C-alpha atoms as a PDB file:
ATOM      1  CA  MET A   1      52.946  -1.505  -5.912  1.00  0.00           C
ATOM      2  CA  ASP A   2      54.936   1.294  -7.605  1.00  0.00           C
ATOM      3  CA  GLU A   3      55.566   1.702 -11.343  1.00  0.00           C
ATOM      4  CA  ALA A   4      58.953  -0.030 -11.260  1.00  0.00           C
ATOM      5  CA  ASP A   5      57.386  -3.085  -9.604  1.00  0.00           C
ATOM      6  CA  GLN A   6      54.735  -3.174 -12.325  1.00  0.00           C
ATOM      7  CA  GLY A   7      57.435  -3.350 -15.001  1.00  0.00           C
ATOM      8  CA  LEU A   8      56.539   0.020 -16.525  1.00  0.00           C
ATOM      9  CA  GLY A   9      60.163   0.952 -16.989  1.00  0.00           C
ATOM     10  CA  LYS A  10      60.500   3.942 -14.675  1.00  0.00           C
ATOM     11  CA  PRO A  11      63.054   3.069 -12.008  1.00  0.00           C
ATOM     12  CA  LYS A  12      62.846   4.879  -8.692  1.00  0.00           C
ATOM     13  CA  ASN A  13      65.753   6.295  -6.697  1.00  0.00           C
ATOM     14  CA  ASN A  14      68.451   5.008  -9.042  1.00  0.00           C
ATOM     15  CA  GLU A  15      67.016   1.476  -8.742  1.00  0.00           C
ATOM     16  CA  ALA A  16      68.002   0.528 -12.306  1.00  0.00           C
ATOM     17  CA  SER A  17      71.601   1.524 -11.719  1.00  0.00           C
ATOM     18  CA  ILE A  18      71.698  -0.707  -8.667  1.00  0.00           C
ATOM     19  CA  VAL A  19      70.247  -3.808 -10.331  1.00  0.00           C
ATOM     20  CA  THR A  20      71.948  -3.541 -13.721  1.00  0.00           C
ATOM     21  CA  LYS A  21      75.612  -2.653 -13.944  1.00  0.00           C
ATOM     22  CA  LYS A  22      77.012  -4.438 -16.977  1.00  0.00           C
ATOM     23  CA  THR A  23      75.931  -4.949 -20.572  1.00  0.00           C
ATOM     24  CA  GLU A  24      75.453  -8.682 -20.138  1.00  0.00           C
ATOM     25  CA  GLN A  25      72.925  -8.041 -17.354  1.00  0.00           C
ATOM     26  CA  ARG A  26      70.646  -6.068 -19.672  1.00  0.00           C
ATOM     27  CA  ASN A  27      69.333  -9.363 -21.093  1.00  0.00           C
ATOM     28  CA  ILE A  28      68.317 -10.948 -17.764  1.00  0.00           C
ATOM     29  CA  GLY A  29      64.527 -11.223 -17.855  1.00  0.00           C
ATOM     30  CA  GLY A  30      63.722  -9.943 -14.363  1.00  0.00           C
ATOM     31  CA  LEU A  31      66.111  -7.008 -14.664  1.00  0.00           C
ATOM     32  CA  LYS A  32      64.895  -6.180 -18.154  1.00  0.00           C
ATOM     33  CA  GLU A  33      61.319  -6.055 -16.837  1.00  0.00           C
ATOM     34  CA  ARG A  34      62.338  -3.562 -14.145  1.00  0.00           C
ATOM     35  CA  CYS A  35      64.233  -1.378 -16.601  1.00  0.00           C
ATOM     36  CA  PRO A  36      63.385  -2.226 -20.220  1.00  0.00           C
ATOM     37  CA  GLU A  37      64.660   0.938 -21.890  1.00  0.00           C
ATOM     38  CA  PRO A  38      67.759   3.115 -21.697  1.00  0.00           C
ATOM     39  CA  PHE A  39      67.326   6.387 -19.845  1.00  0.00           C
ATOM     40  CA  ALA A  40      68.984   9.616 -18.811  1.00  0.00           C
ATOM     41  CA  GLU A  41      68.133  11.068 -15.417  1.00  0.00           C
ATOM     42  CA  MET A  42      67.727  14.819 -15.069  1.00  0.00           C
ATOM     43  CA  ASN A  43      66.241  17.347 -12.682  1.00  0.00           C
ATOM     44  CA  PRO A  44      62.794  18.798 -13.532  1.00  0.00           C
ATOM     45  CA  LYS A  45      64.307  22.282 -13.960  1.00  0.00           C
ATOM     46  CA  THR A  46      66.829  20.957 -16.492  1.00  0.00           C
ATOM     47  CA  ALA A  47      64.112  19.066 -18.345  1.00  0.00           C
ATOM     48  CA  HIS A  48      61.866  22.141 -18.439  1.00  0.00           C
ATOM     49  CA  GLN A  49      64.718  24.319 -19.732  1.00  0.00           C
ATOM     50  CA  PHE A  50      65.021  22.049 -22.782  1.00  0.00           C
ATOM     51  CA  GLY A  51      61.294  21.373 -23.287  1.00  0.00           C
ATOM     52  CA  ILE A  52      61.653  17.752 -22.176  1.00  0.00           C
ATOM     53  CA  GLU A  53      59.050  15.790 -20.234  1.00  0.00           C
ATOM     54  CA  ASP A  54      59.410  12.563 -18.297  1.00  0.00           C
ATOM     55  CA  GLY A  55      59.373   9.625 -20.726  1.00  0.00           C
ATOM     56  CA  ASP A  56      60.294  11.658 -23.835  1.00  0.00           C
ATOM     57  CA  TRP A  57      62.883  10.200 -26.165  1.00  0.00           C
ATOM     58  CA  ILE A  58      65.875  12.539 -26.142  1.00  0.00           C
ATOM     59  CA  ILE A  59      69.198  12.931 -27.898  1.00  0.00           C
ATOM     60  CA  VAL A  60      72.266  13.366 -25.709  1.00  0.00           C
ATOM     61  CA  GLU A  61      75.226  14.683 -27.683  1.00  0.00           C
ATOM     62  CA  SER A  62      78.886  15.355 -26.969  1.00  0.00           C
ATOM     63  CA  ASN A  63      81.766  16.470 -29.171  1.00  0.00           C
ATOM     64  CA  ARG A  64      82.299  12.796 -30.066  1.00  0.00           C
ATOM     65  CA  GLY A  65      78.822  11.440 -30.797  1.00  0.00           C
ATOM     66  CA  GLN A  66      75.217  11.158 -29.797  1.00  0.00           C
ATOM     67  CA  ILE A  67      72.890   8.629 -28.213  1.00  0.00           C
ATOM     68  CA  ARG A  68      69.123   8.209 -27.942  1.00  0.00           C
ATOM     69  CA  VAL A  69      67.548   7.456 -24.550  1.00  0.00           C
ATOM     70  CA  LYS A  70      64.375   8.181 -22.605  1.00  0.00           C
ATOM     71  CA  ALA A  71      64.209  11.069 -20.156  1.00  0.00           C
ATOM     72  CA  LEU A  72      63.710  10.127 -16.526  1.00  0.00           C
ATOM     73  CA  VAL A  73      62.858  13.350 -14.720  1.00  0.00           C
ATOM     74  CA  THR A  74      63.679  13.143 -11.019  1.00  0.00           C
ATOM     75  CA  GLU A  75      64.392  15.431  -8.094  1.00  0.00           C
ATOM     76  CA  ASP A  76      67.298  13.079  -7.273  1.00  0.00           C
ATOM     77  CA  MET A  77      69.509  14.848  -9.833  1.00  0.00           C
ATOM     78  CA  ARG A  78      71.160  18.225  -9.450  1.00  0.00           C
ATOM     79  CA  THR A  79      70.016  20.937 -11.873  1.00  0.00           C
ATOM     80  CA  GLY A  80      72.201  20.982 -14.983  1.00  0.00           C
ATOM     81  CA  VAL A  81      73.376  17.382 -14.586  1.00  0.00           C
ATOM     82  CA  VAL A  82      72.397  14.440 -16.808  1.00  0.00           C
ATOM     83  CA  SER A  83      73.204  10.933 -15.565  1.00  0.00           C
ATOM     84  CA  ILE A  84      73.202   7.950 -17.928  1.00  0.00           C
ATOM     85  CA  PRO A  85      73.898   4.398 -16.771  1.00  0.00           C
ATOM     86  CA  HIS A  86      76.325   2.456 -18.931  1.00  0.00           C
ATOM     87  CA  GLY A  87      75.748  -0.935 -20.462  1.00  0.00           C
ATOM     88  CA  TRP A  88      73.075  -0.206 -23.047  1.00  0.00           C
ATOM     89  CA  PRO A  89      73.783  -1.400 -26.593  1.00  0.00           C
ATOM     90  CA  ARG A  90      73.545   0.273 -30.004  1.00  0.00           C
ATOM     91  CA  GLU A  91      72.114   3.805 -30.145  1.00  0.00           C
ATOM     92  CA  ALA A  92      72.044   4.088 -26.326  1.00  0.00           C
ATOM     93  CA  ASN A  93      75.691   3.141 -25.727  1.00  0.00           C
ATOM     94  CA  VAL A  94      77.008   5.955 -23.534  1.00  0.00           C
ATOM     95  CA  ASN A  95      80.569   5.109 -24.612  1.00  0.00           C
ATOM     96  CA  LEU A  96      79.705   6.781 -27.926  1.00  0.00           C
ATOM     97  CA  LEU A  97      79.844  10.090 -26.021  1.00  0.00           C
ATOM     98  CA  THR A  98      83.204   9.658 -24.324  1.00  0.00           C
ATOM     99  CA  ASP A  99      86.354  11.246 -25.644  1.00  0.00           C
ATOM    100  CA  VAL A 100      89.343   8.948 -25.136  1.00  0.00           C
ATOM    101  CA  HIS A 101      91.695  11.744 -26.242  1.00  0.00           C
ATOM    102  CA  CYS A 102      90.699  13.997 -23.332  1.00  0.00           C
ATOM    103  CA  ARG A 103      92.992  12.756 -20.552  1.00  0.00           C
ATOM    104  CA  GLU A 104      93.370  13.550 -16.884  1.00  0.00           C
ATOM    105  CA  PRO A 105      96.706  15.437 -16.704  1.00  0.00           C
ATOM    106  CA  ILE A 106      98.423  13.520 -13.889  1.00  0.00           C
ATOM    107  CA  MET A 107      97.497   9.868 -14.504  1.00  0.00           C
ATOM    108  CA  GLY A 108      96.534  10.110 -18.170  1.00  0.00           C
ATOM    109  CA  TYR A 109      93.210   8.358 -17.553  1.00  0.00           C
ATOM    110  CA  PRO A 110      90.418   9.077 -20.094  1.00  0.00           C
ATOM    111  CA  GLN A 111      87.630  11.364 -18.929  1.00  0.00           C
ATOM    112  CA  MET A 112      84.774   8.840 -18.669  1.00  0.00           C
ATOM    113  CA  LYS A 113      82.888   9.814 -15.519  1.00  0.00           C
ATOM    114  CA  SER A 114      81.836  13.331 -16.467  1.00  0.00           C
ATOM    115  CA  GLN A 115      81.848  15.525 -19.521  1.00  0.00           C
ATOM    116  CA  LEU A 116      79.942  18.275 -21.254  1.00  0.00           C
ATOM    117  CA  CYS A 117      76.918  17.316 -23.300  1.00  0.00           C
ATOM    118  CA  SER A 118      73.857  18.833 -24.857  1.00  0.00           C
ATOM    119  CA  ILE A 119      70.345  17.421 -24.709  1.00  0.00           C
ATOM    120  CA  ARG A 120      67.296  17.893 -26.876  1.00  0.00           C
ATOM    121  CA  LYS A 121      63.938  16.286 -27.359  1.00  0.00           C
ATOM    122  CA  ALA A 122      64.145  13.758 -30.167  1.00  0.00           C
ATOM    123  CA  ASP A 123      62.319  14.561 -33.399  1.00  0.00           C
ATOM    124  CA  ILE A 124      60.119  11.466 -33.643  1.00  0.00           C
ATOM    125  CA  PHE A 125      59.988  11.333 -37.439  1.00  0.00           C
ATOM    126  CA  GLN A 126      63.711  11.896 -37.933  1.00  0.00           C
ATOM    127  CA  GLU A 127      64.616   9.474 -35.159  1.00  0.00           C
ATOM    128  CA  LYS A 128      62.359   6.704 -36.541  1.00  0.00           C
ATOM    129  CA  GLN A 129      64.252   6.912 -39.820  1.00  0.00           C
ATOM    130  CA  GLN A 130      67.626   6.745 -38.065  1.00  0.00           C
ATOM    131  CA  TYR A 131      66.905   4.359 -35.172  1.00  0.00           C
ATOM    132  CA  GLY A 132      63.753   2.425 -36.087  1.00  0.00           C
ATOM    133  CA  ASN A 133      60.525   2.165 -34.118  1.00  0.00           C
ATOM    134  CA  HIS A 134      61.895   2.169 -30.541  1.00  0.00           C
END
């Protein structure tokens, strides 16, 4: 039995993205057991570059806002890329990072699938004050 099957919250091979796609599905018991916390996937080299270890709480920030999620370090991601599933509420809502004013030039569609961001390990004491005891 792997960690995801034990309900330890570390999905394997994008498993969480497959089983939970929408916000309303985040409250389904069986799915919540498989993926109880919001996460951002990143390659080990990217994590190391920023002093981040698997399971650390991190801040992901764009020019529009910031969110707080756990790091999921995996070889499945390309170096320099951070992938965050949508559908998490409150301080993990990835929509807080998107810039609706940045539009694709031909169709005018907002840039929601990829954008620049910065990541850093969360300061536990500062984050507890801002986000609570998660």
